[in-house]
Amino acid sequence: MNRSQTPDVRLEPWSEDGGLDLLHALNTPELTEYLGGPETREKVEDRHRRYLATNDHDRGQMFRIVLDGELAGSIGHWETTWQGEQVWETGWGVLPAFQGRGLAATAARLLVPHVRAAGRHPHLHAFPATGHAASNAVCRKAGFTLVGEASIEYPKGNWHPCNDWRLALNPA
């Protein structure tokens, strides 16, 4: 592939510009199957407000994934409590028209410098459902190491089996 055919993938900080529409587009039964299903319109709008308010580089940040100028998905990192400790967690969503191109793994690799710059924690975790082959493949392709199986609660009251993938932010 020559340079002119290389897709332009970048992360843009979450903003009003297209953010809410992107969240609504990502809120489908197919894309939320492993996350407890679609949220109500009110919950999506609340999520958008939280994303706008949490663009704090020290505590986490959400990004829009942009491919060749088009909004293609979202990715971010945030603090969460895992096994009694504060850790970084990441998650992503890619619109169906952009799936199957390695976009989520590319976005995860682009996210790592942002998480490293925030400092605070030595690892970045991802917790895809054990049965979600595509998200587990993203973790592997992005350089995460499988720690093992676990159970997480998401959304509240909904426990499900997941894999704990971890990426060292400051490899020795």
C-alpha atoms as a PDB file:
ATOM      1  CA  MET A   1       0.000   0.000   0.000  1.00  0.00           C
ATOM      2  CA  ASN A   2       1.459   3.365  -0.903  1.00  0.00           C
ATOM      3  CA  ARG A   3       1.317   6.365   1.429  1.00  0.00           C
ATOM      4  CA  SER A   4      -1.680   7.929  -0.331  1.00  0.00           C
ATOM      5  CA  GLN A   5      -3.770   4.839   0.477  1.00  0.00           C
ATOM      6  CA  THR A   6      -2.928   4.819   4.206  1.00  0.00           C
ATOM      7  CA  PRO A   7      -6.078   5.659   6.146  1.00  0.00           C
ATOM      8  CA  ASP A   8      -5.920   8.761   8.338  1.00  0.00           C
ATOM      9  CA  VAL A   9      -6.981   7.589  11.804  1.00  0.00           C
ATOM     10  CA  ARG A  10      -6.908  10.054  14.657  1.00  0.00           C
ATOM     11  CA  LEU A  11      -8.424  10.658  18.062  1.00  0.00           C
ATOM     12  CA  GLU A  12     -10.191  13.935  18.728  1.00  0.00           C
ATOM     13  CA  PRO A  13     -11.202  14.990  22.252  1.00  0.00           C
ATOM     14  CA  TRP A  14     -14.907  14.568  22.917  1.00  0.00           C
ATOM     15  CA  SER A  15     -16.879  17.660  21.952  1.00  0.00           C
ATOM     16  CA  GLU A  16     -20.349  18.943  21.210  1.00  0.00           C
ATOM     17  CA  ASP A  17     -19.509  18.646  17.504  1.00  0.00           C
ATOM     18  CA  GLY A  18     -21.112  15.333  16.576  1.00  0.00           C
ATOM     19  CA  GLY A  19     -20.575  13.701  19.975  1.00  0.00           C
ATOM     20  CA  LEU A  20     -24.206  13.248  20.927  1.00  0.00           C
ATOM     21  CA  ASP A  21     -25.149  12.012  17.445  1.00  0.00           C
ATOM     22  CA  LEU A  22     -22.259   9.534  17.605  1.00  0.00           C
ATOM     23  CA  LEU A  23     -23.448   8.198  20.966  1.00  0.00           C
ATOM     24  CA  HIS A  24     -26.959   7.725  19.601  1.00  0.00           C
ATOM     25  CA  ALA A  25     -25.534   5.884  16.567  1.00  0.00           C
ATOM     26  CA  LEU A  26     -23.494   3.602  18.870  1.00  0.00           C
ATOM     27  CA  ASN A  27     -26.562   2.881  21.048  1.00  0.00           C
ATOM     28  CA  THR A  28     -27.991  -0.019  19.038  1.00  0.00           C
ATOM     29  CA  PRO A  29     -28.890  -3.556  20.142  1.00  0.00           C
ATOM     30  CA  GLU A  30     -26.017  -4.980  18.046  1.00  0.00           C
ATOM     31  CA  LEU A  31     -23.383  -2.625  19.444  1.00  0.00           C
ATOM     32  CA  THR A  32     -24.539  -2.833  23.071  1.00  0.00           C
ATOM     33  CA  GLU A  33     -25.213  -6.572  23.176  1.00  0.00           C
ATOM     34  CA  TYR A  34     -22.340  -7.165  25.623  1.00  0.00           C
ATOM     35  CA  LEU A  35     -23.029  -3.991  27.625  1.00  0.00           C
ATOM     36  CA  GLY A  36     -26.546  -4.692  28.835  1.00  0.00           C
ATOM     37  CA  GLY A  37     -28.385  -3.388  25.770  1.00  0.00           C
ATOM     38  CA  PRO A  38     -29.277   0.078  24.505  1.00  0.00           C
ATOM     39  CA  GLU A  39     -29.710   2.949  26.923  1.00  0.00           C
ATOM     40  CA  THR A  40     -32.659   5.327  27.011  1.00  0.00           C
ATOM     41  CA  ARG A  41     -32.379   8.661  25.176  1.00  0.00           C
ATOM     42  CA  GLU A  42     -32.018  10.377  28.558  1.00  0.00           C
ATOM     43  CA  LYS A  43     -29.137   8.105  29.609  1.00  0.00           C
ATOM     44  CA  VAL A  44     -27.344   8.699  26.295  1.00  0.00           C
ATOM     45  CA  GLU A  45     -27.700  12.452  26.732  1.00  0.00           C
ATOM     46  CA  ASP A  46     -26.430  12.148  30.318  1.00  0.00           C
ATOM     47  CA  ARG A  47     -23.451  10.087  29.082  1.00  0.00           C
ATOM     48  CA  HIS A  48     -22.661  12.810  26.545  1.00  0.00           C
ATOM     49  CA  ARG A  49     -22.678  15.460  29.301  1.00  0.00           C
ATOM     50  CA  ARG A  50     -20.397  13.264  31.454  1.00  0.00           C
ATOM     51  CA  TYR A  51     -18.009  12.782  28.541  1.00  0.00           C
ATOM     52  CA  LEU A  52     -17.840  16.544  28.018  1.00  0.00           C
ATOM     53  CA  ALA A  53     -17.274  17.138  31.751  1.00  0.00           C
ATOM     54  CA  THR A  54     -14.634  14.425  32.228  1.00  0.00           C
ATOM     55  CA  ASN A  55     -12.171  15.532  29.600  1.00  0.00           C
ATOM     56  CA  ASP A  56      -9.646  15.919  32.394  1.00  0.00           C
ATOM     57  CA  HIS A  57      -6.297  14.527  31.320  1.00  0.00           C
ATOM     58  CA  ASP A  58      -5.470  13.563  34.923  1.00  0.00           C
ATOM     59  CA  ARG A  59      -8.688  11.626  35.574  1.00  0.00           C
ATOM     60  CA  GLY A  60      -9.543  10.351  32.117  1.00  0.00           C
ATOM     61  CA  GLN A  61     -10.658  11.476  28.723  1.00  0.00           C
ATOM     62  CA  MET A  62     -13.046  10.430  25.989  1.00  0.00           C
ATOM     63  CA  PHE A  63     -12.244  10.695  22.299  1.00  0.00           C
ATOM     64  CA  ARG A  64     -14.041  10.428  19.006  1.00  0.00           C
ATOM     65  CA  ILE A  65     -12.353   8.056  16.554  1.00  0.00           C
ATOM     66  CA  VAL A  66     -12.044   9.785  13.187  1.00  0.00           C
ATOM     67  CA  LEU A  67     -11.218   7.910   9.988  1.00  0.00           C
ATOM     68  CA  ASP A  68     -10.462   9.963   6.897  1.00  0.00           C
ATOM     69  CA  GLY A  69     -12.487  12.859   8.334  1.00  0.00           C
ATOM     70  CA  GLU A  70     -15.552  10.794   9.299  1.00  0.00           C
ATOM     71  CA  LEU A  71     -16.691  10.023  12.842  1.00  0.00           C
ATOM     72  CA  ALA A  72     -16.240   6.277  13.152  1.00  0.00           C
ATOM     73  CA  GLY A  73     -16.484   5.524  16.863  1.00  0.00           C
ATOM     74  CA  SER A  74     -15.404   6.367  20.372  1.00  0.00           C
ATOM     75  CA  ILE A  75     -12.677   5.366  22.803  1.00  0.00           C
ATOM     76  CA  GLY A  76     -11.483   6.666  26.116  1.00  0.00           C
ATOM     77  CA  HIS A  77      -9.946   5.984  29.473  1.00  0.00           C
ATOM     78  CA  TRP A  78     -11.188   6.604  32.989  1.00  0.00           C
ATOM     79  CA  GLU A  79     -10.375   5.686  36.542  1.00  0.00           C
ATOM     80  CA  THR A  80     -12.178   2.774  38.134  1.00  0.00           C
ATOM     81  CA  THR A  81     -11.721   0.570  41.151  1.00  0.00           C
ATOM     82  CA  TRP A  82     -10.485  -2.899  40.302  1.00  0.00           C
ATOM     83  CA  GLN A  83      -9.612  -5.472  42.961  1.00  0.00           C
ATOM     84  CA  GLY A  84      -9.472  -2.766  45.614  1.00  0.00           C
ATOM     85  CA  GLU A  85      -7.191  -0.413  43.671  1.00  0.00           C
ATOM     86  CA  GLN A  86      -7.690   2.600  41.425  1.00  0.00           C
ATOM     87  CA  VAL A  87      -6.733   1.700  37.838  1.00  0.00           C
ATOM     88  CA  TRP A  88      -7.162   3.033  34.326  1.00  0.00           C
ATOM     89  CA  GLU A  89      -9.840   1.336  32.252  1.00  0.00           C
ATOM     90  CA  THR A  90     -10.538   1.695  28.548  1.00  0.00           C
ATOM     91  CA  GLY A  91     -13.432   0.884  26.278  1.00  0.00           C
ATOM     92  CA  TRP A  92     -14.416   1.589  22.680  1.00  0.00           C
ATOM     93  CA  GLY A  93     -17.182   1.353  20.145  1.00  0.00           C
ATOM     94  CA  VAL A  94     -16.935   1.410  16.353  1.00  0.00           C
ATOM     95  CA  LEU A  95     -19.861   2.046  14.027  1.00  0.00           C
ATOM     96  CA  PRO A  96     -20.780  -0.965  11.832  1.00  0.00           C
ATOM     97  CA  ALA A  97     -19.767   0.767   8.573  1.00  0.00           C
ATOM     98  CA  PHE A  98     -16.197   1.047   9.916  1.00  0.00           C
ATOM     99  CA  GLN A  99     -15.798  -2.373  11.529  1.00  0.00           C
ATOM    100  CA  GLY A 100     -13.436  -5.053  10.270  1.00  0.00           C
ATOM    101  CA  ARG A 101     -10.613  -2.642   9.379  1.00  0.00           C
ATOM    102  CA  GLY A 102      -8.582  -2.814  12.590  1.00  0.00           C
ATOM    103  CA  LEU A 103      -9.815   0.636  13.578  1.00  0.00           C
ATOM    104  CA  ALA A 104     -10.462  -0.153  17.267  1.00  0.00           C
ATOM    105  CA  ALA A 105      -6.982  -1.651  17.716  1.00  0.00           C
ATOM    106  CA  THR A 106      -5.421   1.358  15.992  1.00  0.00           C
ATOM    107  CA  ALA A 107      -7.438   3.692  18.217  1.00  0.00           C
ATOM    108  CA  ALA A 108      -6.349   1.746  21.319  1.00  0.00           C
ATOM    109  CA  ARG A 109      -2.694   2.122  20.299  1.00  0.00           C
ATOM    110  CA  LEU A 110      -3.255   5.859  19.697  1.00  0.00           C
ATOM    111  CA  LEU A 111      -4.857   6.156  23.140  1.00  0.00           C
ATOM    112  CA  VAL A 112      -1.869   4.758  25.041  1.00  0.00           C
ATOM    113  CA  PRO A 113       0.304   7.928  24.865  1.00  0.00           C
ATOM    114  CA  HIS A 114      -2.606   9.944  26.308  1.00  0.00           C
ATOM    115  CA  VAL A 115      -2.958   7.511  29.205  1.00  0.00           C
ATOM    116  CA  ARG A 116       0.810   7.464  29.790  1.00  0.00           C
ATOM    117  CA  ALA A 117       0.864  11.265  29.863  1.00  0.00           C
ATOM    118  CA  ALA A 118      -1.832  11.282  32.548  1.00  0.00           C
ATOM    119  CA  GLY A 119       0.401   9.148  34.779  1.00  0.00           C
ATOM    120  CA  ARG A 120      -1.221   8.014  38.035  1.00  0.00           C
ATOM    121  CA  HIS A 121      -1.457   4.264  37.318  1.00  0.00           C
ATOM    122  CA  PRO A 122       0.997   1.692  35.933  1.00  0.00           C
ATOM    123  CA  HIS A 123      -1.480  -0.230  33.775  1.00  0.00           C
ATOM    124  CA  LEU A 124      -4.405   0.250  31.436  1.00  0.00           C
ATOM    125  CA  HIS A 125      -7.133  -2.420  31.704  1.00  0.00           C
ATOM    126  CA  ALA A 126      -9.856  -3.513  29.303  1.00  0.00           C
ATOM    127  CA  PHE A 127     -12.672  -5.844  30.334  1.00  0.00           C
ATOM    128  CA  PRO A 128     -14.425  -7.220  27.241  1.00  0.00           C
ATOM    129  CA  ALA A 129     -17.033  -9.937  27.722  1.00  0.00           C
ATOM    130  CA  THR A 130     -15.487 -13.389  27.409  1.00  0.00           C
ATOM    131  CA  GLY A 131     -17.803 -14.140  24.478  1.00  0.00           C
ATOM    132  CA  HIS A 132     -17.037 -10.927  22.595  1.00  0.00           C
ATOM    133  CA  ALA A 133     -14.432 -12.248  20.151  1.00  0.00           C
ATOM    134  CA  ALA A 134     -13.938  -8.940  18.315  1.00  0.00           C
ATOM    135  CA  SER A 135     -13.178  -6.887  21.443  1.00  0.00           C
ATOM    136  CA  ASN A 136     -10.857  -9.566  22.792  1.00  0.00           C
ATOM    137  CA  ALA A 137      -9.029  -9.509  19.444  1.00  0.00           C
ATOM    138  CA  VAL A 138      -8.698  -5.722  19.718  1.00  0.00           C
ATOM    139  CA  CYS A 139      -6.946  -6.150  23.068  1.00  0.00           C
ATOM    140  CA  ARG A 140      -4.536  -8.716  21.646  1.00  0.00           C
ATOM    141  CA  LYS A 141      -3.776  -6.619  18.527  1.00  0.00           C
ATOM    142  CA  ALA A 142      -3.271  -3.464  20.614  1.00  0.00           C
ATOM    143  CA  GLY A 143      -0.616  -5.146  22.777  1.00  0.00           C
ATOM    144  CA  PHE A 144      -2.584  -5.965  25.920  1.00  0.00           C
ATOM    145  CA  THR A 145      -1.773  -9.115  27.914  1.00  0.00           C
ATOM    146  CA  LEU A 146      -4.557 -11.437  29.039  1.00  0.00           C
ATOM    147  CA  VAL A 147      -4.448 -11.616  32.850  1.00  0.00           C
ATOM    148  CA  GLY A 148      -7.413 -13.983  33.192  1.00  0.00           C
ATOM    149  CA  GLU A 149     -11.159 -14.229  33.515  1.00  0.00           C
ATOM    150  CA  ALA A 150     -13.170 -12.145  35.940  1.00  0.00           C
ATOM    151  CA  SER A 151     -16.690 -10.947  36.567  1.00  0.00           C
ATOM    152  CA  ILE A 152     -17.687  -7.303  36.326  1.00  0.00           C
ATOM    153  CA  GLU A 153     -20.850  -5.371  37.024  1.00  0.00           C
ATOM    154  CA  TYR A 154     -21.999  -3.259  34.102  1.00  0.00           C
ATOM    155  CA  PRO A 155     -24.397  -1.673  34.086  1.00  0.00           C
ATOM    156  CA  LYS A 156     -25.251  -1.652  37.803  1.00  0.00           C
ATOM    157  CA  GLY A 157     -26.960  -4.890  38.767  1.00  0.00           C
ATOM    158  CA  ASN A 158     -25.759  -6.745  35.644  1.00  0.00           C
ATOM    159  CA  TRP A 159     -22.835  -9.088  36.378  1.00  0.00           C
ATOM    160  CA  HIS A 160     -21.186 -10.832  33.468  1.00  0.00           C
ATOM    161  CA  PRO A 161     -18.015 -12.804  32.740  1.00  0.00           C
ATOM    162  CA  CYS A 162     -15.209 -10.852  31.142  1.00  0.00           C
ATOM    163  CA  ASN A 163     -11.536 -11.089  30.385  1.00  0.00           C
ATOM    164  CA  ASP A 164      -9.096  -8.846  32.229  1.00  0.00           C
ATOM    165  CA  TRP A 165      -6.615  -7.537  29.669  1.00  0.00           C
ATOM    166  CA  ARG A 166      -3.783  -5.303  30.897  1.00  0.00           C
ATOM    167  CA  LEU A 167      -1.220  -3.137  29.172  1.00  0.00           C
ATOM    168  CA  ALA A 168       1.866  -1.906  31.050  1.00  0.00           C
ATOM    169  CA  LEU A 169       2.137   1.855  30.599  1.00  0.00           C
ATOM    170  CA  ASN A 170       5.749   2.064  31.722  1.00  0.00           C
ATOM    171  CA  PRO A 171       7.337  -1.201  30.577  1.00  0.00           C
ATOM    172  CA  ALA A 172      10.646  -1.905  32.301  1.00  0.00           C
END
